[in-house]
PDB file of N, CA and C in Angstrom:
ATOM      1  N   MET A   1       0.849  -1.165   0.000  1.00  0.00           N
ATOM      2  CA  MET A   1       0.000   0.000   0.000  1.00  0.00           C
ATOM      3  C   MET A   1       0.893   1.225   0.000  1.00  0.00           C
ATOM      4  N   ARG A   2       0.447   2.263  -0.620  1.00  0.00           N
ATOM      5  CA  ARG A   2       1.225   3.497  -0.743  1.00  0.00           C
ATOM      6  C   ARG A   2       0.901   4.428   0.423  1.00  0.00           C
ATOM      7  N   ILE A   3       1.967   4.932   1.059  1.00  0.00           N
ATOM      8  CA  ILE A   3       1.810   5.882   2.157  1.00  0.00           C
ATOM      9  C   ILE A   3       2.785   7.044   1.967  1.00  0.00           C
ATOM     10  N   GLU A   4       2.563   8.096   2.741  1.00  0.00           N
ATOM     11  CA  GLU A   4       3.433   9.274   2.696  1.00  0.00           C
ATOM     12  C   GLU A   4       3.544   9.838   4.107  1.00  0.00           C
ATOM     13  N   ASN A   5       4.702  10.362   4.454  1.00  0.00           N
ATOM     14  CA  ASN A   5       4.886  10.958   5.772  1.00  0.00           C
ATOM     15  C   ASN A   5       4.096  12.254   5.913  1.00  0.00           C
ATOM     16  N   VAL A   6       3.570  12.474   7.102  1.00  0.00           N
ATOM     17  CA  VAL A   6       2.918  13.734   7.430  1.00  0.00           C
ATOM     18  C   VAL A   6       4.027  14.785   7.547  1.00  0.00           C
ATOM     19  N   PRO A   7       3.837  15.988   6.964  1.00  0.00           N
ATOM     20  CA  PRO A   7       4.861  17.027   7.100  1.00  0.00           C
ATOM     21  C   PRO A   7       5.167  17.317   8.566  1.00  0.00           C
ATOM     22  N   VAL A   8       6.436  17.526   8.871  1.00  0.00           N
ATOM     23  CA  VAL A   8       6.897  17.723  10.252  1.00  0.00           C
ATOM     24  C   VAL A   8       6.125  18.837  10.947  1.00  0.00           C
ATOM     25  N   LYS A   9       5.861  19.938  10.261  1.00  0.00           N
ATOM     26  CA  LYS A   9       5.206  21.074  10.909  1.00  0.00           C
ATOM     27  C   LYS A   9       3.764  20.780  11.327  1.00  0.00           C
ATOM     28  N   THR A  10       3.148  19.731  10.799  1.00  0.00           N
ATOM     29  CA  THR A  10       1.775  19.394  11.187  1.00  0.00           C
ATOM     30  C   THR A  10       1.686  18.135  12.045  1.00  0.00           C
ATOM     31  N   GLN A  11       2.840  17.554  12.395  1.00  0.00           N
ATOM     32  CA  GLN A  11       2.827  16.347  13.219  1.00  0.00           C
ATOM     33  C   GLN A  11       2.436  16.667  14.656  1.00  0.00           C
ATOM     34  N   LYS A  12       1.794  15.689  15.273  1.00  0.00           N
ATOM     35  CA  LYS A  12       1.382  15.808  16.670  1.00  0.00           C
ATOM     36  C   LYS A  12       2.337  15.023  17.554  1.00  0.00           C
ATOM     37  N   LYS A  13       2.333  15.349  18.828  1.00  0.00           N
ATOM     38  CA  LYS A  13       3.122  14.622  19.821  1.00  0.00           C
ATOM     39  C   LYS A  13       2.254  13.500  20.394  1.00  0.00           C
ATOM     40  N   PRO A  14       2.858  12.359  20.733  1.00  0.00           N
ATOM     41  CA  PRO A  14       2.076  11.295  21.372  1.00  0.00           C
ATOM     42  C   PRO A  14       1.667  11.730  22.781  1.00  0.00           C
ATOM     43  N   SER A  15       0.580  11.199  23.262  1.00  0.00           N
ATOM     44  CA  SER A  15       0.093  11.572  24.595  1.00  0.00           C
ATOM     45  C   SER A  15       1.053  11.101  25.691  1.00  0.00           C
ATOM     46  N   ALA A  16       1.777  10.024  25.442  1.00  0.00           N
ATOM     47  CA  ALA A  16       2.780   9.521  26.393  1.00  0.00           C
ATOM     48  C   ALA A  16       3.776   8.663  25.624  1.00  0.00           C
ATOM     49  N   GLY A  17       5.018   8.673  26.057  1.00  0.00           N
ATOM     50  CA  GLY A  17       6.026   7.837  25.410  1.00  0.00           C
ATOM     51  C   GLY A  17       6.352   8.308  24.003  1.00  0.00           C
ATOM     52  N   THR A  18       6.694   7.345  23.139  1.00  0.00           N
ATOM     53  CA  THR A  18       7.033   7.650  21.751  1.00  0.00           C
ATOM     54  C   THR A  18       5.979   7.067  20.828  1.00  0.00           C
ATOM     55  N   TRP A  19       5.996   7.505  19.577  1.00  0.00           N
ATOM     56  CA  TRP A  19       5.048   6.949  18.617  1.00  0.00           C
ATOM     57  C   TRP A  19       5.345   5.474  18.352  1.00  0.00           C
ATOM     58  N   LEU A  20       6.610   5.068  18.444  1.00  0.00           N
ATOM     59  CA  LEU A  20       6.924   3.653  18.251  1.00  0.00           C
ATOM     60  C   LEU A  20       6.323   2.818  19.380  1.00  0.00           C
ATOM     61  N   GLU A  21       6.424   3.306  20.610  1.00  0.00           N
ATOM     62  CA  GLU A  21       5.789   2.618  21.747  1.00  0.00           C
ATOM     63  C   GLU A  21       4.275   2.587  21.575  1.00  0.00           C
ATOM     64  N   PHE A  22       3.704   3.680  21.099  1.00  0.00           N
ATOM     65  CA  PHE A  22       2.265   3.767  20.824  1.00  0.00           C
ATOM     66  C   PHE A  22       1.868   2.682  19.820  1.00  0.00           C
ATOM     67  N   TRP A  23       2.653   2.570  18.718  1.00  0.00           N
ATOM     68  CA  TRP A  23       2.346   1.573  17.697  1.00  0.00           C
ATOM     69  C   TRP A  23       2.433   0.166  18.286  1.00  0.00           C
ATOM     70  N   GLU A  24       3.491  -0.126  19.042  1.00  0.00           N
ATOM     71  CA  GLU A  24       3.658  -1.461  19.616  1.00  0.00           C
ATOM     72  C   GLU A  24       2.515  -1.804  20.566  1.00  0.00           C
ATOM     73  N   THR A  25       2.072  -0.840  21.347  1.00  0.00           N
ATOM     74  CA  THR A  25       0.972  -1.070  22.285  1.00  0.00           C
ATOM     75  C   THR A  25      -0.323  -1.384  21.552  1.00  0.00           C
ATOM     76  N   HIS A  26      -0.661  -0.566  20.567  1.00  0.00           N
ATOM     77  CA  HIS A  26      -1.948  -0.727  19.883  1.00  0.00           C
ATOM     78  C   HIS A  26      -1.942  -1.822  18.819  1.00  0.00           C
ATOM     79  N   ALA A  27      -0.788  -2.078  18.202  1.00  0.00           N
ATOM     80  CA  ALA A  27      -0.696  -3.153  17.213  1.00  0.00           C
ATOM     81  C   ALA A  27      -0.512  -4.508  17.895  1.00  0.00           C
ATOM     82  N   LYS A  28      -0.109  -4.458  19.187  1.00  0.00           N
ATOM     83  CA  LYS A  28       0.178  -5.676  19.944  1.00  0.00           C
ATOM     84  C   LYS A  28       1.270  -6.495  19.256  1.00  0.00           C
ATOM     85  N   LYS A  29       2.286  -5.751  18.771  1.00  0.00           N
ATOM     86  CA  LYS A  29       3.432  -6.352  18.094  1.00  0.00           C
ATOM     87  C   LYS A  29       4.686  -5.613  18.534  1.00  0.00           C
ATOM     88  N   THR A  30       5.834  -6.203  18.272  1.00  0.00           N
ATOM     89  CA  THR A  30       7.108  -5.544  18.512  1.00  0.00           C
ATOM     90  C   THR A  30       7.687  -5.143  17.167  1.00  0.00           C
ATOM     91  N   ALA A  31       8.045  -3.876  17.035  1.00  0.00           N
ATOM     92  CA  ALA A  31       8.631  -3.401  15.785  1.00  0.00           C
ATOM     93  C   ALA A  31      10.038  -3.968  15.644  1.00  0.00           C
ATOM     94  N   SER A  32      10.357  -4.434  14.458  1.00  0.00           N
ATOM     95  CA  SER A  32      11.707  -4.939  14.226  1.00  0.00           C
ATOM     96  C   SER A  32      12.328  -4.205  13.039  1.00  0.00           C
ATOM     97  N   LYS A  33      11.874  -4.534  11.830  1.00  0.00           N
ATOM     98  CA  LYS A  33      12.471  -3.855  10.686  1.00  0.00           C
ATOM     99  C   LYS A  33      11.506  -2.830  10.090  1.00  0.00           C
ATOM    100  N   CYS A  34      12.068  -1.945   9.290  1.00  0.00           N
ATOM    101  CA  CYS A  34      11.303  -0.892   8.625  1.00  0.00           C
ATOM    102  C   CYS A  34      10.162  -1.517   7.818  1.00  0.00           C
ATOM    103  N   SER A  35       9.025  -0.834   7.783  1.00  0.00           N
ATOM    104  CA  SER A  35       7.840  -1.340   7.090  1.00  0.00           C
ATOM    105  C   SER A  35       7.885  -1.167   5.578  1.00  0.00           C
ATOM    106  N   VAL A  36       8.848  -0.398   5.066  1.00  0.00           N
ATOM    107  CA  VAL A  36       8.931  -0.139   3.625  1.00  0.00           C
ATOM    108  C   VAL A  36       9.394  -1.392   2.897  1.00  0.00           C
ATOM    109  N   ILE A  37       8.699  -1.730   1.839  1.00  0.00           N
ATOM    110  CA  ILE A  37       9.030  -2.918   1.049  1.00  0.00           C
ATOM    111  C   ILE A  37      10.473  -2.827   0.567  1.00  0.00           C
ATOM    112  N   GLY A  38      11.244  -3.878   0.839  1.00  0.00           N
ATOM    113  CA  GLY A  38      12.627  -3.961   0.395  1.00  0.00           C
ATOM    114  C   GLY A  38      13.645  -3.354   1.342  1.00  0.00           C
ATOM    115  N   CYS A  39      13.197  -2.660   2.369  1.00  0.00           N
ATOM    116  CA  CYS A  39      14.127  -2.061   3.329  1.00  0.00           C
ATOM    117  C   CYS A  39      14.395  -3.065   4.449  1.00  0.00           C
ATOM    118  N   GLU A  40      15.648  -3.304   4.729  1.00  0.00           N
ATOM    119  CA  GLU A  40      16.039  -4.248   5.773  1.00  0.00           C
ATOM    120  C   GLU A  40      16.538  -3.548   7.037  1.00  0.00           C
ATOM    121  N   SER A  41      16.475  -2.208   7.056  1.00  0.00           N
ATOM    122  CA  SER A  41      16.954  -1.451   8.222  1.00  0.00           C
ATOM    123  C   SER A  41      16.019  -1.634   9.405  1.00  0.00           C
ATOM    124  N   ARG A  42      16.570  -1.398  10.582  1.00  0.00           N
ATOM    125  CA  ARG A  42      15.791  -1.522  11.819  1.00  0.00           C
ATOM    126  C   ARG A  42      14.791  -0.377  11.941  1.00  0.00           C
ATOM    127  N   ALA A  43      13.585  -0.687  12.375  1.00  0.00           N
ATOM    128  CA  ALA A  43      12.576   0.337  12.647  1.00  0.00           C
ATOM    129  C   ALA A  43      12.933   1.010  13.958  1.00  0.00           C
ATOM    130  N   GLU A  44      13.224   2.298  13.905  1.00  0.00           N
ATOM    131  CA  GLU A  44      13.624   3.023  15.105  1.00  0.00           C
ATOM    132  C   GLU A  44      12.609   4.080  15.513  1.00  0.00           C
ATOM    133  N   VAL A  45      11.671   4.384  14.631  1.00  0.00           N
ATOM    134  CA  VAL A  45      10.678   5.417  14.939  1.00  0.00           C
ATOM    135  C   VAL A  45       9.286   4.965  14.527  1.00  0.00           C
ATOM    136  N   GLY A  46       8.307   5.497  15.215  1.00  0.00           N
ATOM    137  CA  GLY A  46       6.923   5.350  14.796  1.00  0.00           C
ATOM    138  C   GLY A  46       6.595   6.605  13.993  1.00  0.00           C
ATOM    139  N   ALA A  47       6.409   6.441  12.705  1.00  0.00           N
ATOM    140  CA  ALA A  47       6.210   7.591  11.829  1.00  0.00           C
ATOM    141  C   ALA A  47       4.721   7.876  11.625  1.00  0.00           C
ATOM    142  N   GLN A  48       4.402   9.154  11.531  1.00  0.00           N
ATOM    143  CA  GLN A  48       3.038   9.586  11.235  1.00  0.00           C
ATOM    144  C   GLN A  48       2.892   9.641   9.713  1.00  0.00           C
ATOM    145  N   VAL A  49       1.964   8.853   9.195  1.00  0.00           N
ATOM    146  CA  VAL A  49       1.790   8.736   7.746  1.00  0.00           C
ATOM    147  C   VAL A  49       0.315   8.843   7.381  1.00  0.00           C
ATOM    148  N   PHE A  50       0.077   9.026   6.072  1.00  0.00           N
ATOM    149  CA  PHE A  50      -1.290   8.994   5.547  1.00  0.00           C
ATOM    150  C   PHE A  50      -1.265   8.327   4.185  1.00  0.00           C
ATOM    151  N   LYS A  51      -2.443   7.923   3.725  1.00  0.00           N
ATOM    152  CA  LYS A  51      -2.568   7.324   2.400  1.00  0.00           C
ATOM    153  C   LYS A  51      -2.812   8.469   1.413  1.00  0.00           C
ATOM    154  N   PRO A  52      -1.895   8.707   0.449  1.00  0.00           N
ATOM    155  CA  PRO A  52      -2.062   9.819  -0.480  1.00  0.00           C
ATOM    156  C   PRO A  52      -3.394   9.794  -1.225  1.00  0.00           C
ATOM    157  N   SER A  53      -3.914   8.611  -1.497  1.00  0.00           N
ATOM    158  CA  SER A  53      -5.179   8.504  -2.219  1.00  0.00           C
ATOM    159  C   SER A  53      -6.351   9.041  -1.402  1.00  0.00           C
ATOM    160  N   MET A  54      -6.186   9.119  -0.073  1.00  0.00           N
ATOM    161  CA  MET A  54      -7.260   9.588   0.792  1.00  0.00           C
ATOM    162  C   MET A  54      -6.962  10.959   1.399  1.00  0.00           C
ATOM    163  N   GLY A  55      -5.748  11.455   1.201  1.00  0.00           N
ATOM    164  CA  GLY A  55      -5.369  12.732   1.800  1.00  0.00           C
ATOM    165  C   GLY A  55      -5.080  12.565   3.282  1.00  0.00           C
ATOM    166  N   PRO A  56      -4.613  13.634   3.914  1.00  0.00           N
ATOM    167  CA  PRO A  56      -4.185  13.534   5.317  1.00  0.00           C
ATOM    168  C   PRO A  56      -5.322  13.638   6.340  1.00  0.00           C
ATOM    169  N   THR A  57      -6.503  13.138   5.995  1.00  0.00           N
ATOM    170  CA  THR A  57      -7.616  13.191   6.947  1.00  0.00           C
ATOM    171  C   THR A  57      -7.467  12.145   8.041  1.00  0.00           C
ATOM    172  N   SER A  58      -6.899  11.007   7.729  1.00  0.00           N
ATOM    173  CA  SER A  58      -6.644   9.957   8.719  1.00  0.00           C
ATOM    174  C   SER A  58      -5.140   9.759   8.822  1.00  0.00           C
ATOM    175  N   ILE A  59      -4.603   9.982  10.019  1.00  0.00           N
ATOM    176  CA  ILE A  59      -3.172   9.844  10.261  1.00  0.00           C
ATOM    177  C   ILE A  59      -2.927   8.517  10.974  1.00  0.00           C
ATOM    178  N   TYR A  60      -1.965   7.767  10.465  1.00  0.00           N
ATOM    179  CA  TYR A  60      -1.623   6.466  11.012  1.00  0.00           C
ATOM    180  C   TYR A  60      -0.183   6.481  11.502  1.00  0.00           C
ATOM    181  N   ILE A  61       0.147   5.522  12.370  1.00  0.00           N
ATOM    182  CA  ILE A  61       1.504   5.318  12.843  1.00  0.00           C
ATOM    183  C   ILE A  61       1.993   3.975  12.295  1.00  0.00           C
ATOM    184  N   VAL A  62       3.200   3.972  11.738  1.00  0.00           N
ATOM    185  CA  VAL A  62       3.855   2.742  11.275  1.00  0.00           C
ATOM    186  C   VAL A  62       5.318   2.797  11.682  1.00  0.00           C
ATOM    187  N   PRO A  63       5.941   1.643  11.929  1.00  0.00           N
ATOM    188  CA  PRO A  63       7.368   1.625  12.262  1.00  0.00           C
ATOM    189  C   PRO A  63       8.222   1.811  11.006  1.00  0.00           C
ATOM    190  N   LEU A  64       9.148   2.775  11.060  1.00  0.00           N
ATOM    191  CA  LEU A  64      10.040   3.041   9.938  1.00  0.00           C
ATOM    192  C   LEU A  64      11.473   3.234  10.429  1.00  0.00           C
ATOM    193  N   CYS A  65      12.412   3.085   9.517  1.00  0.00           N
ATOM    194  CA  CYS A  65      13.798   3.422   9.802  1.00  0.00           C
ATOM    195  C   CYS A  65      13.927   4.945   9.702  1.00  0.00           C
ATOM    196  N   PRO A  66      14.981   5.519  10.270  1.00  0.00           N
ATOM    197  CA  PRO A  66      15.143   6.973  10.213  1.00  0.00           C
ATOM    198  C   PRO A  66      15.191   7.535   8.783  1.00  0.00           C
ATOM    199  N   THR A  67      15.774   6.780   7.854  1.00  0.00           N
ATOM    200  CA  THR A  67      15.865   7.251   6.463  1.00  0.00           C
ATOM    201  C   THR A  67      14.494   7.425   5.845  1.00  0.00           C
ATOM    202  N   HIS A  68      13.625   6.424   5.977  1.00  0.00           N
ATOM    203  CA  HIS A  68      12.284   6.526   5.396  1.00  0.00           C
ATOM    204  C   HIS A  68      11.394   7.483   6.183  1.00  0.00           C
ATOM    205  N   ALA A  69      11.620   7.591   7.475  1.00  0.00           N
ATOM    206  CA  ALA A  69      10.825   8.520   8.286  1.00  0.00           C
ATOM    207  C   ALA A  69      11.126   9.966   7.918  1.00  0.00           C
ATOM    208  N   ALA A  70      12.286  10.221   7.331  1.00  0.00           N
ATOM    209  CA  ALA A  70      12.682  11.590   6.981  1.00  0.00           C
ATOM    210  C   ALA A  70      12.220  12.020   5.588  1.00  0.00           C
ATOM    211  N   LEU A  71      11.689  11.097   4.797  1.00  0.00           N
ATOM    212  CA  LEU A  71      11.248  11.461   3.451  1.00  0.00           C
ATOM    213  C   LEU A  71      10.051  12.403   3.514  1.00  0.00           C
ATOM    214  N   VAL A  72      10.104  13.472   2.727  1.00  0.00           N
ATOM    215  CA  VAL A  72       9.030  14.455   2.707  1.00  0.00           C
ATOM    216  C   VAL A  72       8.446  14.539   1.303  1.00  0.00           C
ATOM    217  N   LYS A  73       7.122  14.509   1.223  1.00  0.00           N
ATOM    218  CA  LYS A  73       6.407  14.608  -0.062  1.00  0.00           C
ATOM    219  C   LYS A  73       6.892  13.568  -1.064  1.00  0.00           C
ATOM    220  N   GLU A  74       7.201  12.395  -0.556  1.00  0.00           N
ATOM    221  CA  GLU A  74       7.693  11.312  -1.399  1.00  0.00           C
ATOM    222  C   GLU A  74       7.006  10.016  -0.978  1.00  0.00           C
ATOM    223  N   PRO A  75       5.939   9.630  -1.671  1.00  0.00           N
ATOM    224  CA  PRO A  75       5.229   8.404  -1.298  1.00  0.00           C
ATOM    225  C   PRO A  75       6.123   7.173  -1.437  1.00  0.00           C
ATOM    226  N   PHE A  76       5.848   6.166  -0.618  1.00  0.00           N
ATOM    227  CA  PHE A  76       6.569   4.907  -0.693  1.00  0.00           C
ATOM    228  C   PHE A  76       5.602   3.790  -0.352  1.00  0.00           C
ATOM    229  N   ASP A  77       6.018   2.568  -0.629  1.00  0.00           N
ATOM    230  CA  ASP A  77       5.132   1.418  -0.459  1.00  0.00           C
ATOM    231  C   ASP A  77       5.517   0.574   0.744  1.00  0.00           C
ATOM    232  N   VAL A  78       4.494   0.168   1.485  1.00  0.00           N
ATOM    233  CA  VAL A  78       4.649  -0.788   2.579  1.00  0.00           C
ATOM    234  C   VAL A  78       3.781  -1.994   2.256  1.00  0.00           C
ATOM    235  N   ALA A  79       4.112  -3.121   2.827  1.00  0.00           N
ATOM    236  CA  ALA A  79       3.345  -4.349   2.584  1.00  0.00           C
ATOM    237  C   ALA A  79       1.913  -4.192   3.086  1.00  0.00           C
ATOM    238  N   GLU A  80       1.003  -4.839   2.425  1.00  0.00           N
ATOM    239  CA  GLU A  80      -0.409  -4.811   2.840  1.00  0.00           C
ATOM    240  C   GLU A  80      -0.584  -5.379   4.245  1.00  0.00           C
ATOM    241  N   SER A  81       0.363  -6.222   4.672  1.00  0.00           N
ATOM    242  CA  SER A  81       0.268  -6.852   5.980  1.00  0.00           C
ATOM    243  C   SER A  81       0.701  -5.935   7.122  1.00  0.00           C
ATOM    244  N   VAL A  82       1.257  -4.760   6.813  1.00  0.00           N
ATOM    245  CA  VAL A  82       1.693  -3.828   7.861  1.00  0.00           C
ATOM    246  C   VAL A  82       0.476  -3.284   8.607  1.00  0.00           C
ATOM    247  N   THR A  83       0.559  -3.316   9.916  1.00  0.00           N
ATOM    248  CA  THR A  83      -0.540  -2.810  10.737  1.00  0.00           C
ATOM    249  C   THR A  83      -0.460  -1.292  10.826  1.00  0.00           C
ATOM    250  N   LEU A  84      -1.497  -0.633  10.328  1.00  0.00           N
ATOM    251  CA  LEU A  84      -1.607   0.811  10.460  1.00  0.00           C
ATOM    252  C   LEU A  84      -2.420   1.100  11.718  1.00  0.00           C
ATOM    253  N   VAL A  85      -1.870   1.915  12.612  1.00  0.00           N
ATOM    254  CA  VAL A  85      -2.559   2.249  13.851  1.00  0.00           C
ATOM    255  C   VAL A  85      -2.980   3.713  13.773  1.00  0.00           C
ATOM    256  N   LEU A  86      -4.260   3.971  13.922  1.00  0.00           N
ATOM    257  CA  LEU A  86      -4.732   5.359  13.906  1.00  0.00           C
ATOM    258  C   LEU A  86      -4.067   6.142  15.027  1.00  0.00           C
ATOM    259  N   ALA A  87      -3.567   7.320  14.689  1.00  0.00           N
ATOM    260  CA  ALA A  87      -2.834   8.136  15.661  1.00  0.00           C
ATOM    261  C   ALA A  87      -3.732   8.704  16.737  1.00  0.00           C
ATOM    262  N   ASN A  88      -5.037   8.746  16.514  1.00  0.00           N
ATOM    263  CA  ASN A  88      -5.934   9.351  17.501  1.00  0.00           C
ATOM    264  C   ASN A  88      -6.592   8.328  18.423  1.00  0.00           C
ATOM    265  N   LYS A  89      -5.996   7.154  18.581  1.00  0.00           N
ATOM    266  CA  LYS A  89      -6.539   6.127  19.490  1.00  0.00           C
ATOM    267  C   LYS A  89      -6.419   6.575  20.920  1.00  0.00           C
TER     268      LYS A  89
END
C-alpha cells in the first residue's frame, strides 16, 4: 500500500512515550524492521503517515527506519500486511 509521511510542521506529539511505543501497544506487536518494502533497516521510529489517495484526513503510525521517516512529499510502499494504527486512538 502506498503511504506518505505527514509534514513535520503538522505532526502531533504522542500523549505519552514515543510513537513507536504507541504503535507497539496498539498493534500488539514488537517493531523490528522498517515497514517499507525492500528495506532491511531496523525500525527506530513510529512515523506519522497517511494514504495519499485519501489525503491527510486519517493519520496512522507505522514503524520506519530513520531514512524513510525523513522522506518528505515522497510516497513509498509498505506491505499490505503492515498494521496501520490510527494516531488518535
